[in-house]
Amino acid sequence: MLKENFRIIFMGTPEFAVPSLQILVDNGYAVVAVVTAPDKPQGRGRQIQASPVKQLALEKGIPVLQPTNLKNTDFLEELRAYQADLQVVVAFRMLPEVVWNMPPKGTFNLHASLLPQYRGAAPINWAIINGETETGVTTFMIQQEIDTGNILFQEKEPIDAEDTAETLYERLMHRGSQLVLKTVNAIVTGHYQPLPQPEAQQEWKAAPKIHRETCQINWNQTAEQVRNFIRGLSPYPAAWTLLKTQAGEKNCKIYAVRNTGQQEKTLKPGDVTTDNKNYIYVQTQDFLLAIEELQLEGKKRLSVQEFLRGNIL
């Protein structure tokens, strides 16, 4: 079948999905509709905004569907009317079977890990938090249990010691788009062999959704564990701690730290030492961590030197 006649419905919402939609359009595929989240208030002004995927779809003249209920009869009828051969999902919500089972070629998903490792909502964050040195992207056919379908293709990506969730997200976003194109090409030509994921093993790591309460720093861990935790949550949703200043104890987000390799035997984990000019060190289970970027609640993100010009600990 010619790619121009191969009808695709693309499902996605955030920035991570945008390059995948773009690459399909750029390569001449007939993306006949886009399904994305409803518009919602964003930013400080709480103005209603379209998702990044919707913005690109409108720019390309692709029809957009924004259902609140994926089992709604009207939505299902509209979806079926597009007569898609294949559905491609990148960073969208869990689909009911009536949706993923609709096209003759099925529905595949792009996941930002090397499945079966890091099934779940936050694979990029957890890979860094757990100190991994490698991750990747996987395309797989969607079936009933989340992130468990037959694997189509995988690509590995090294994790650098200084990577944050932001830098790794950026690389996986583009590597993932290339994998989406490779997967669609293979499905069109029939040159692919889906492989079942191995049965569950205890050593597989999960990637559950991250909540604010799970972002609090535990200074009783080693310096490297704390540093990985901070990297894995930077810049969003951001690791946080309670910082004692002269103005009282304040909630403080930490974006970047450096392992000094130094120990201070007189300090307990969580204790702070500073010259109130150039550095803030926090004791962990083993070494002192130097805070490099931080943000008090309701204030701007600052370097440690900028922060100490206006705050005394």
C-alpha atoms as a PDB file:
ATOM      1  CA  MET A   1       0.000   0.000   0.000  1.00  0.00           C
ATOM      2  CA  LEU A   2       1.236   3.532  -0.782  1.00  0.00           C
ATOM      3  CA  LYS A   3       1.920   5.638   2.313  1.00  0.00           C
ATOM      4  CA  GLU A   4      -0.354   8.372   0.932  1.00  0.00           C
ATOM      5  CA  ASN A   5      -3.233   5.873   1.090  1.00  0.00           C
ATOM      6  CA  PHE A   6      -2.320   4.482   4.501  1.00  0.00           C
ATOM      7  CA  ARG A   7      -4.648   6.251   6.906  1.00  0.00           C
ATOM      8  CA  ILE A   8      -3.292   7.066  10.377  1.00  0.00           C
ATOM      9  CA  ILE A   9      -4.960   8.521  13.447  1.00  0.00           C
ATOM     10  CA  PHE A  10      -2.422  10.071  15.833  1.00  0.00           C
ATOM     11  CA  MET A  11      -3.111  10.290  19.571  1.00  0.00           C
ATOM     12  CA  GLY A  12      -0.977  12.470  21.854  1.00  0.00           C
ATOM     13  CA  THR A  13      -0.990  15.609  23.955  1.00  0.00           C
ATOM     14  CA  PRO A  14       2.308  17.089  25.267  1.00  0.00           C
ATOM     15  CA  GLU A  15       5.442  18.441  23.602  1.00  0.00           C
ATOM     16  CA  PHE A  16       6.981  14.940  23.725  1.00  0.00           C
ATOM     17  CA  ALA A  17       4.499  13.781  21.053  1.00  0.00           C
ATOM     18  CA  VAL A  18       4.996  16.708  18.661  1.00  0.00           C
ATOM     19  CA  PRO A  19       8.109  15.460  16.761  1.00  0.00           C
ATOM     20  CA  SER A  20       6.411  12.081  16.200  1.00  0.00           C
ATOM     21  CA  LEU A  21       3.409  13.736  14.542  1.00  0.00           C
ATOM     22  CA  GLN A  22       5.682  16.088  12.604  1.00  0.00           C
ATOM     23  CA  ILE A  23       7.850  13.273  11.203  1.00  0.00           C
ATOM     24  CA  LEU A  24       4.841  11.326   9.934  1.00  0.00           C
ATOM     25  CA  VAL A  25       3.468  14.394   8.146  1.00  0.00           C
ATOM     26  CA  ASP A  26       6.921  15.289   6.766  1.00  0.00           C
ATOM     27  CA  ASN A  27       7.273  11.780   5.348  1.00  0.00           C
ATOM     28  CA  GLY A  28       4.030  11.950   3.412  1.00  0.00           C
ATOM     29  CA  TYR A  29       1.776   9.840   5.593  1.00  0.00           C
ATOM     30  CA  ALA A  30      -1.954  10.536   5.593  1.00  0.00           C
ATOM     31  CA  VAL A  31      -2.617  11.548   9.188  1.00  0.00           C
ATOM     32  CA  VAL A  32      -6.378  11.855   8.840  1.00  0.00           C
ATOM     33  CA  ALA A  33      -7.136  12.985  12.409  1.00  0.00           C
ATOM     34  CA  VAL A  34      -5.506  13.789  15.737  1.00  0.00           C
ATOM     35  CA  VAL A  35      -6.947  12.868  19.128  1.00  0.00           C
ATOM     36  CA  THR A  36      -5.704  14.998  22.009  1.00  0.00           C
ATOM     37  CA  ALA A  37      -6.698  16.251  25.450  1.00  0.00           C
ATOM     38  CA  PRO A  38      -9.308  19.013  25.830  1.00  0.00           C
ATOM     39  CA  ASP A  39      -7.978  22.580  26.062  1.00  0.00           C
ATOM     40  CA  LYS A  40      -7.250  23.614  29.638  1.00  0.00           C
ATOM     41  CA  PRO A  41      -6.025  26.584  31.695  1.00  0.00           C
ATOM     42  CA  GLN A  42      -2.226  26.964  31.674  1.00  0.00           C
ATOM     43  CA  GLY A  43       0.370  29.166  33.348  1.00  0.00           C
ATOM     44  CA  ARG A  44      -0.029  31.961  35.846  1.00  0.00           C
ATOM     45  CA  GLY A  45      -2.777  33.707  33.892  1.00  0.00           C
ATOM     46  CA  ARG A  46      -4.717  30.407  33.720  1.00  0.00           C
ATOM     47  CA  GLN A  47      -5.616  31.147  30.107  1.00  0.00           C
ATOM     48  CA  ILE A  48      -7.226  28.333  28.130  1.00  0.00           C
ATOM     49  CA  GLN A  49      -4.626  26.773  25.841  1.00  0.00           C
ATOM     50  CA  ALA A  50      -4.576  24.043  23.228  1.00  0.00           C
ATOM     51  CA  SER A  51      -2.175  21.138  23.719  1.00  0.00           C
ATOM     52  CA  PRO A  52       1.128  21.245  21.773  1.00  0.00           C
ATOM     53  CA  VAL A  53      -0.139  18.376  19.594  1.00  0.00           C
ATOM     54  CA  LYS A  54      -3.375  20.227  18.793  1.00  0.00           C
ATOM     55  CA  GLN A  55      -1.409  23.354  17.872  1.00  0.00           C
ATOM     56  CA  LEU A  56       0.657  21.395  15.335  1.00  0.00           C
ATOM     57  CA  ALA A  57      -2.414  19.588  13.974  1.00  0.00           C
ATOM     58  CA  LEU A  58      -4.223  22.887  13.348  1.00  0.00           C
ATOM     59  CA  GLU A  59      -1.112  24.289  11.680  1.00  0.00           C
ATOM     60  CA  LYS A  60      -1.080  21.264   9.338  1.00  0.00           C
ATOM     61  CA  GLY A  61      -4.832  21.376   8.720  1.00  0.00           C
ATOM     62  CA  ILE A  62      -5.486  18.020  10.397  1.00  0.00           C
ATOM     63  CA  PRO A  63      -8.916  17.515  12.037  1.00  0.00           C
ATOM     64  CA  VAL A  64      -8.745  17.409  15.850  1.00  0.00           C
ATOM     65  CA  LEU A  65     -10.873  15.333  18.234  1.00  0.00           C
ATOM     66  CA  GLN A  66     -10.853  16.196  21.956  1.00  0.00           C
ATOM     67  CA  PRO A  67     -13.050  13.694  23.786  1.00  0.00           C
ATOM     68  CA  THR A  68     -13.448  13.820  27.556  1.00  0.00           C
ATOM     69  CA  ASN A  69     -14.797  10.260  27.528  1.00  0.00           C
ATOM     70  CA  LEU A  70     -13.098   7.764  25.195  1.00  0.00           C
ATOM     71  CA  LYS A  71     -16.101   5.434  25.374  1.00  0.00           C
ATOM     72  CA  ASN A  72     -18.581   8.113  24.300  1.00  0.00           C
ATOM     73  CA  THR A  73     -20.733   6.813  21.435  1.00  0.00           C
ATOM     74  CA  ASP A  74     -20.499   9.998  19.358  1.00  0.00           C
ATOM     75  CA  PHE A  75     -16.695  10.027  19.671  1.00  0.00           C
ATOM     76  CA  LEU A  76     -16.445   6.341  18.695  1.00  0.00           C
ATOM     77  CA  GLU A  77     -18.647   6.897  15.650  1.00  0.00           C
ATOM     78  CA  GLU A  78     -16.551   9.879  14.581  1.00  0.00           C
ATOM     79  CA  LEU A  79     -13.325   7.909  15.096  1.00  0.00           C
ATOM     80  CA  ARG A  80     -14.658   4.968  13.075  1.00  0.00           C
ATOM     81  CA  ALA A  81     -15.719   7.303  10.258  1.00  0.00           C
ATOM     82  CA  TYR A  82     -12.071   8.178   9.569  1.00  0.00           C
ATOM     83  CA  GLN A  83     -11.463   4.525   8.564  1.00  0.00           C
ATOM     84  CA  ALA A  84      -7.913   4.527   9.861  1.00  0.00           C
ATOM     85  CA  ASP A  85      -5.601   1.634   9.014  1.00  0.00           C
ATOM     86  CA  LEU A  86      -3.471   2.280  12.101  1.00  0.00           C
ATOM     87  CA  GLN A  87      -3.500   4.350  15.295  1.00  0.00           C
ATOM     88  CA  VAL A  88      -0.262   5.778  16.703  1.00  0.00           C
ATOM     89  CA  VAL A  89      -0.150   6.758  20.385  1.00  0.00           C
ATOM     90  CA  VAL A  90       2.546   8.967  21.924  1.00  0.00           C
ATOM     91  CA  ALA A  91       2.075  10.321  25.458  1.00  0.00           C
ATOM     92  CA  PHE A  92      -1.690   9.995  25.631  1.00  0.00           C
ATOM     93  CA  ARG A  93      -4.035   8.367  28.131  1.00  0.00           C
ATOM     94  CA  MET A  94      -4.978   4.743  28.609  1.00  0.00           C
ATOM     95  CA  LEU A  95      -7.258   3.591  25.784  1.00  0.00           C
ATOM     96  CA  PRO A  96     -10.293   1.327  26.135  1.00  0.00           C
ATOM     97  CA  GLU A  97     -10.266  -1.809  23.988  1.00  0.00           C
ATOM     98  CA  VAL A  98     -13.046  -0.455  21.789  1.00  0.00           C
ATOM     99  CA  VAL A  99     -10.590   2.274  20.693  1.00  0.00           C
ATOM    100  CA  TRP A 100      -7.270   0.430  20.405  1.00  0.00           C
ATOM    101  CA  ASN A 101      -8.846  -2.556  18.685  1.00  0.00           C
ATOM    102  CA  MET A 102     -10.622  -0.455  16.044  1.00  0.00           C
ATOM    103  CA  PRO A 103      -8.156  -0.185  13.094  1.00  0.00           C
ATOM    104  CA  PRO A 104      -7.268  -3.298  11.055  1.00  0.00           C
ATOM    105  CA  LYS A 105      -3.514  -2.814  11.702  1.00  0.00           C
ATOM    106  CA  GLY A 106      -4.111  -2.160  15.401  1.00  0.00           C
ATOM    107  CA  THR A 107      -2.681   0.575  17.632  1.00  0.00           C
ATOM    108  CA  PHE A 108       0.916   0.994  18.720  1.00  0.00           C
ATOM    109  CA  ASN A 109       2.393   3.116  21.463  1.00  0.00           C
ATOM    110  CA  LEU A 110       5.778   4.790  21.938  1.00  0.00           C
ATOM    111  CA  HIS A 111       7.150   4.338  25.467  1.00  0.00           C
ATOM    112  CA  ALA A 112      10.237   6.135  26.825  1.00  0.00           C
ATOM    113  CA  SER A 113      12.035   3.106  28.261  1.00  0.00           C
ATOM    114  CA  LEU A 114      13.376  -0.284  27.228  1.00  0.00           C
ATOM    115  CA  LEU A 115      10.294  -2.323  28.056  1.00  0.00           C
ATOM    116  CA  PRO A 116       9.568  -4.344  30.117  1.00  0.00           C
ATOM    117  CA  GLN A 117      11.706  -2.083  32.342  1.00  0.00           C
ATOM    118  CA  TYR A 118      10.013   1.069  33.642  1.00  0.00           C
ATOM    119  CA  ARG A 119       6.407   0.409  32.774  1.00  0.00           C
ATOM    120  CA  GLY A 120       4.308   3.310  33.983  1.00  0.00           C
ATOM    121  CA  ALA A 121       3.736   7.049  33.694  1.00  0.00           C
ATOM    122  CA  ALA A 122       7.209   8.442  34.481  1.00  0.00           C
ATOM    123  CA  PRO A 123       9.924   6.257  32.887  1.00  0.00           C
ATOM    124  CA  ILE A 124      12.373   9.098  32.181  1.00  0.00           C
ATOM    125  CA  ASN A 125      12.301  10.378  35.770  1.00  0.00           C
ATOM    126  CA  TRP A 126      12.674   6.970  37.385  1.00  0.00           C
ATOM    127  CA  ALA A 127      15.540   5.833  35.158  1.00  0.00           C
ATOM    128  CA  ILE A 128      17.620   8.811  36.359  1.00  0.00           C
ATOM    129  CA  ILE A 129      16.426   8.570  39.975  1.00  0.00           C
ATOM    130  CA  ASN A 130      17.560   4.936  40.038  1.00  0.00           C
ATOM    131  CA  GLY A 131      20.993   5.841  38.686  1.00  0.00           C
ATOM    132  CA  GLU A 132      20.645   3.989  35.382  1.00  0.00           C
ATOM    133  CA  THR A 133      23.349   4.554  32.750  1.00  0.00           C
ATOM    134  CA  GLU A 134      21.139   3.445  29.849  1.00  0.00           C
ATOM    135  CA  THR A 135      17.526   3.698  28.800  1.00  0.00           C
ATOM    136  CA  GLY A 136      15.787   3.982  25.446  1.00  0.00           C
ATOM    137  CA  VAL A 137      12.511   3.997  23.554  1.00  0.00           C
ATOM    138  CA  THR A 138      10.158   1.163  22.626  1.00  0.00           C
ATOM    139  CA  THR A 139       7.239   0.822  20.250  1.00  0.00           C
ATOM    140  CA  PHE A 140       4.723  -1.876  21.118  1.00  0.00           C
ATOM    141  CA  MET A 141       1.223  -2.989  20.163  1.00  0.00           C
ATOM    142  CA  ILE A 142      -1.359  -1.923  22.720  1.00  0.00           C
ATOM    143  CA  GLN A 143      -3.285  -4.628  24.537  1.00  0.00           C
ATOM    144  CA  GLN A 144      -5.395  -4.761  27.711  1.00  0.00           C
ATOM    145  CA  GLU A 145      -2.722  -4.504  30.427  1.00  0.00           C
ATOM    146  CA  ILE A 146      -0.849  -1.188  30.327  1.00  0.00           C
ATOM    147  CA  ASP A 147       2.645  -1.246  28.707  1.00  0.00           C
ATOM    148  CA  THR A 148       2.566  -5.035  28.248  1.00  0.00           C
ATOM    149  CA  GLY A 149       1.901  -5.465  24.499  1.00  0.00           C
ATOM    150  CA  ASN A 150       4.140  -7.163  21.944  1.00  0.00           C
ATOM    151  CA  ILE A 151       7.342  -5.209  21.259  1.00  0.00           C
ATOM    152  CA  LEU A 152       7.886  -3.924  17.717  1.00  0.00           C
ATOM    153  CA  PHE A 153      11.190  -2.017  17.912  1.00  0.00           C
ATOM    154  CA  GLN A 154      13.595  -0.634  20.529  1.00  0.00           C
ATOM    155  CA  GLU A 155      16.463   1.855  20.481  1.00  0.00           C
ATOM    156  CA  LYS A 156      18.947   2.349  23.332  1.00  0.00           C
ATOM    157  CA  GLU A 157      20.038   5.742  24.685  1.00  0.00           C
ATOM    158  CA  PRO A 158      22.901   6.303  27.159  1.00  0.00           C
ATOM    159  CA  ILE A 159      22.216   8.372  30.281  1.00  0.00           C
ATOM    160  CA  ASP A 160      25.007  10.819  31.022  1.00  0.00           C
ATOM    161  CA  ALA A 161      26.107  11.409  34.623  1.00  0.00           C
ATOM    162  CA  GLU A 162      24.946  15.042  34.322  1.00  0.00           C
ATOM    163  CA  ASP A 163      21.643  14.361  32.536  1.00  0.00           C
ATOM    164  CA  THR A 164      18.458  15.737  34.067  1.00  0.00           C
ATOM    165  CA  ALA A 165      14.891  14.704  33.289  1.00  0.00           C
ATOM    166  CA  GLU A 166      14.806  17.709  30.934  1.00  0.00           C
ATOM    167  CA  THR A 167      17.901  16.833  28.867  1.00  0.00           C
ATOM    168  CA  LEU A 168      17.016  13.138  28.623  1.00  0.00           C
ATOM    169  CA  TYR A 169      13.381  13.984  27.732  1.00  0.00           C
ATOM    170  CA  GLU A 170      14.647  16.132  24.856  1.00  0.00           C
ATOM    171  CA  ARG A 171      16.827  13.360  23.409  1.00  0.00           C
ATOM    172  CA  LEU A 172      14.244  10.600  23.844  1.00  0.00           C
ATOM    173  CA  MET A 173      11.566  12.815  22.289  1.00  0.00           C
ATOM    174  CA  HIS A 174      13.549  12.991  19.023  1.00  0.00           C
ATOM    175  CA  ARG A 175      14.887   9.431  19.143  1.00  0.00           C
ATOM    176  CA  GLY A 176      11.310   8.308  19.762  1.00  0.00           C
ATOM    177  CA  SER A 177      10.009  10.155  16.715  1.00  0.00           C
ATOM    178  CA  GLN A 178      12.545   8.341  14.523  1.00  0.00           C
ATOM    179  CA  LEU A 179      11.370   5.047  16.015  1.00  0.00           C
ATOM    180  CA  VAL A 180       7.730   5.939  15.329  1.00  0.00           C
ATOM    181  CA  LEU A 181       8.577   6.517  11.668  1.00  0.00           C
ATOM    182  CA  LYS A 182      10.563   3.258  11.488  1.00  0.00           C
ATOM    183  CA  THR A 183       7.624   1.395  13.050  1.00  0.00           C
ATOM    184  CA  VAL A 184       5.006   2.855  10.700  1.00  0.00           C
ATOM    185  CA  ASN A 185       7.235   2.110   7.685  1.00  0.00           C
ATOM    186  CA  ALA A 186       7.582  -1.495   8.865  1.00  0.00           C
ATOM    187  CA  ILE A 187       3.831  -1.910   9.415  1.00  0.00           C
ATOM    188  CA  VAL A 188       3.062  -0.509   5.949  1.00  0.00           C
ATOM    189  CA  THR A 189       5.496  -2.912   4.254  1.00  0.00           C
ATOM    190  CA  GLY A 190       4.755  -5.823   6.600  1.00  0.00           C
ATOM    191  CA  HIS A 191       8.438  -6.141   7.535  1.00  0.00           C
ATOM    192  CA  TYR A 192       8.148  -6.561  11.285  1.00  0.00           C
ATOM    193  CA  GLN A 193       7.958  -9.349  13.845  1.00  0.00           C
ATOM    194  CA  PRO A 194       6.189  -8.473  17.127  1.00  0.00           C
ATOM    195  CA  LEU A 195       7.870 -10.113  20.119  1.00  0.00           C
ATOM    196  CA  PRO A 196       6.023 -10.875  23.367  1.00  0.00           C
ATOM    197  CA  GLN A 197       7.423  -9.135  26.430  1.00  0.00           C
ATOM    198  CA  PRO A 198       9.089 -11.545  28.883  1.00  0.00           C
ATOM    199  CA  GLU A 199       7.027 -12.730  31.831  1.00  0.00           C
ATOM    200  CA  ALA A 200       7.168 -10.576  34.961  1.00  0.00           C
ATOM    201  CA  GLN A 201      10.368 -10.703  36.989  1.00  0.00           C
ATOM    202  CA  GLN A 202      11.071  -9.244  40.409  1.00  0.00           C
ATOM    203  CA  GLU A 203      14.083  -7.213  39.263  1.00  0.00           C
ATOM    204  CA  TRP A 204      12.058  -5.165  36.785  1.00  0.00           C
ATOM    205  CA  LYS A 205      11.685  -1.575  37.910  1.00  0.00           C
ATOM    206  CA  ALA A 206       8.413   0.327  37.719  1.00  0.00           C
ATOM    207  CA  ALA A 207       7.816   3.965  36.772  1.00  0.00           C
ATOM    208  CA  PRO A 208       4.714   5.063  38.699  1.00  0.00           C
ATOM    209  CA  LYS A 209       3.263   8.546  38.437  1.00  0.00           C
ATOM    210  CA  ILE A 210       5.176  11.068  40.534  1.00  0.00           C
ATOM    211  CA  HIS A 211       3.313  13.075  43.174  1.00  0.00           C
ATOM    212  CA  ARG A 212       4.474  16.137  45.093  1.00  0.00           C
ATOM    213  CA  GLU A 213       4.792  14.265  48.392  1.00  0.00           C
ATOM    214  CA  THR A 214       7.170  11.745  46.777  1.00  0.00           C
ATOM    215  CA  CYS A 215       9.449  14.587  45.635  1.00  0.00           C
ATOM    216  CA  GLN A 216      10.725  15.439  49.139  1.00  0.00           C
ATOM    217  CA  ILE A 217      14.476  14.864  49.453  1.00  0.00           C
ATOM    218  CA  ASN A 218      15.643  12.220  51.909  1.00  0.00           C
ATOM    219  CA  TRP A 219      19.042  13.465  53.102  1.00  0.00           C
ATOM    220  CA  ASN A 220      19.634  10.129  54.886  1.00  0.00           C
ATOM    221  CA  GLN A 221      20.493   8.614  51.508  1.00  0.00           C
ATOM    222  CA  THR A 222      23.990   8.688  49.999  1.00  0.00           C
ATOM    223  CA  ALA A 223      25.133  11.799  48.139  1.00  0.00           C
ATOM    224  CA  GLU A 224      24.830  10.007  44.787  1.00  0.00           C
ATOM    225  CA  GLN A 225      21.322   8.762  45.569  1.00  0.00           C
ATOM    226  CA  VAL A 226      20.223  12.288  46.492  1.00  0.00           C
ATOM    227  CA  ARG A 227      21.947  13.770  43.431  1.00  0.00           C
ATOM    228  CA  ASN A 228      20.216  11.250  41.137  1.00  0.00           C
ATOM    229  CA  PHE A 229      16.870  11.995  42.804  1.00  0.00           C
ATOM    230  CA  ILE A 230      17.317  15.730  42.175  1.00  0.00           C
ATOM    231  CA  ARG A 231      18.441  15.177  38.541  1.00  0.00           C
ATOM    232  CA  GLY A 232      15.522  12.863  37.885  1.00  0.00           C
ATOM    233  CA  LEU A 233      13.002  15.494  38.997  1.00  0.00           C
ATOM    234  CA  SER A 234      14.671  18.553  37.445  1.00  0.00           C
ATOM    235  CA  PRO A 235      13.181  20.868  36.339  1.00  0.00           C
ATOM    236  CA  TYR A 236       9.712  19.411  36.847  1.00  0.00           C
ATOM    237  CA  PRO A 237       8.120  18.611  39.216  1.00  0.00           C
ATOM    238  CA  ALA A 238      11.394  19.354  41.130  1.00  0.00           C
ATOM    239  CA  ALA A 239      12.776  17.791  44.292  1.00  0.00           C
ATOM    240  CA  TRP A 240      12.137  19.854  47.417  1.00  0.00           C
ATOM    241  CA  THR A 241      13.236  20.228  51.002  1.00  0.00           C
ATOM    242  CA  LEU A 242      12.561  22.477  53.996  1.00  0.00           C
ATOM    243  CA  LEU A 243      15.294  25.082  54.294  1.00  0.00           C
ATOM    244  CA  LYS A 244      15.871  27.048  57.485  1.00  0.00           C
ATOM    245  CA  THR A 245      16.496  30.738  56.789  1.00  0.00           C
ATOM    246  CA  GLN A 246      16.592  33.733  59.140  1.00  0.00           C
ATOM    247  CA  ALA A 247      13.029  34.429  57.991  1.00  0.00           C
ATOM    248  CA  GLY A 248      11.941  30.941  59.103  1.00  0.00           C
ATOM    249  CA  GLU A 249      11.652  27.472  57.594  1.00  0.00           C
ATOM    250  CA  LYS A 250      10.682  27.599  53.942  1.00  0.00           C
ATOM    251  CA  ASN A 251       9.764  25.124  51.252  1.00  0.00           C
ATOM    252  CA  CYS A 252      12.597  25.094  48.713  1.00  0.00           C
ATOM    253  CA  LYS A 253      12.934  23.364  45.333  1.00  0.00           C
ATOM    254  CA  ILE A 254      16.413  22.096  44.468  1.00  0.00           C
ATOM    255  CA  TYR A 255      17.295  21.860  40.765  1.00  0.00           C
ATOM    256  CA  ALA A 256      21.015  21.090  40.715  1.00  0.00           C
ATOM    257  CA  VAL A 257      23.646  19.864  43.184  1.00  0.00           C
ATOM    258  CA  ARG A 258      27.284  18.788  43.061  1.00  0.00           C
ATOM    259  CA  ASN A 259      28.842  15.983  45.060  1.00  0.00           C
ATOM    260  CA  THR A 260      31.806  17.566  46.861  1.00  0.00           C
ATOM    261  CA  GLY A 261      33.270  14.222  47.922  1.00  0.00           C
ATOM    262  CA  GLN A 262      33.911  15.864  51.297  1.00  0.00           C
ATOM    263  CA  GLN A 263      32.683  14.632  54.657  1.00  0.00           C
ATOM    264  CA  GLU A 264      31.850  16.650  57.740  1.00  0.00           C
ATOM    265  CA  LYS A 265      31.770  14.291  60.717  1.00  0.00           C
ATOM    266  CA  THR A 266      30.129  16.859  63.017  1.00  0.00           C
ATOM    267  CA  LEU A 267      27.038  17.179  60.794  1.00  0.00           C
ATOM    268  CA  LYS A 268      24.003  14.896  60.610  1.00  0.00           C
ATOM    269  CA  PRO A 269      22.137  14.148  57.342  1.00  0.00           C
ATOM    270  CA  GLY A 270      20.130  17.225  56.387  1.00  0.00           C
ATOM    271  CA  ASP A 271      22.345  19.651  58.313  1.00  0.00           C
ATOM    272  CA  VAL A 272      23.375  22.743  56.351  1.00  0.00           C
ATOM    273  CA  THR A 273      26.653  24.659  56.356  1.00  0.00           C
ATOM    274  CA  THR A 274      27.174  27.913  54.425  1.00  0.00           C
ATOM    275  CA  ASP A 275      29.345  31.031  54.253  1.00  0.00           C
ATOM    276  CA  ASN A 276      26.176  32.981  53.254  1.00  0.00           C
ATOM    277  CA  LYS A 277      28.038  34.227  50.168  1.00  0.00           C
ATOM    278  CA  ASN A 278      29.182  31.493  47.823  1.00  0.00           C
ATOM    279  CA  TYR A 279      28.039  28.069  48.925  1.00  0.00           C
ATOM    280  CA  ILE A 280      25.397  26.010  50.687  1.00  0.00           C
ATOM    281  CA  TYR A 281      26.449  22.472  51.598  1.00  0.00           C
ATOM    282  CA  VAL A 282      24.046  19.830  52.900  1.00  0.00           C
ATOM    283  CA  GLN A 283      25.233  16.685  54.661  1.00  0.00           C
ATOM    284  CA  THR A 284      23.964  13.364  53.329  1.00  0.00           C
ATOM    285  CA  GLN A 285      24.576   9.844  54.617  1.00  0.00           C
ATOM    286  CA  ASP A 286      28.159  10.112  53.389  1.00  0.00           C
ATOM    287  CA  PHE A 287      29.334  13.278  51.564  1.00  0.00           C
ATOM    288  CA  LEU A 288      28.395  16.945  51.486  1.00  0.00           C
ATOM    289  CA  LEU A 289      26.300  18.058  48.510  1.00  0.00           C
ATOM    290  CA  ALA A 290      26.787  21.584  47.195  1.00  0.00           C
ATOM    291  CA  ILE A 291      23.465  23.160  46.158  1.00  0.00           C
ATOM    292  CA  GLU A 292      23.900  24.948  42.810  1.00  0.00           C
ATOM    293  CA  GLU A 293      20.349  26.016  41.831  1.00  0.00           C
ATOM    294  CA  LEU A 294      17.323  26.476  44.061  1.00  0.00           C
ATOM    295  CA  GLN A 295      13.991  28.262  44.391  1.00  0.00           C
ATOM    296  CA  LEU A 296      12.078  29.319  47.474  1.00  0.00           C
ATOM    297  CA  GLU A 297       8.325  28.865  47.233  1.00  0.00           C
ATOM    298  CA  GLY A 298       6.785  31.780  45.353  1.00  0.00           C
ATOM    299  CA  LYS A 299      10.192  33.116  44.259  1.00  0.00           C
ATOM    300  CA  LYS A 300      12.427  32.828  41.190  1.00  0.00           C
ATOM    301  CA  ARG A 301      14.836  29.989  40.419  1.00  0.00           C
ATOM    302  CA  LEU A 302      18.341  31.220  41.300  1.00  0.00           C
ATOM    303  CA  SER A 303      21.962  30.146  41.370  1.00  0.00           C
ATOM    304  CA  VAL A 304      23.271  29.642  44.907  1.00  0.00           C
ATOM    305  CA  GLN A 305      25.260  32.905  44.750  1.00  0.00           C
ATOM    306  CA  GLU A 306      22.212  34.893  43.582  1.00  0.00           C
ATOM    307  CA  PHE A 307      20.132  33.262  46.287  1.00  0.00           C
ATOM    308  CA  LEU A 308      22.609  34.147  49.054  1.00  0.00           C
ATOM    309  CA  ARG A 309      22.620  37.816  48.027  1.00  0.00           C
ATOM    310  CA  GLY A 310      19.019  38.063  49.181  1.00  0.00           C
ATOM    311  CA  ASN A 311      18.693  35.351  51.828  1.00  0.00           C
ATOM    312  CA  ILE A 312      20.560  34.514  55.034  1.00  0.00           C
ATOM    313  CA  LEU A 313      20.618  30.978  56.407  1.00  0.00           C
END
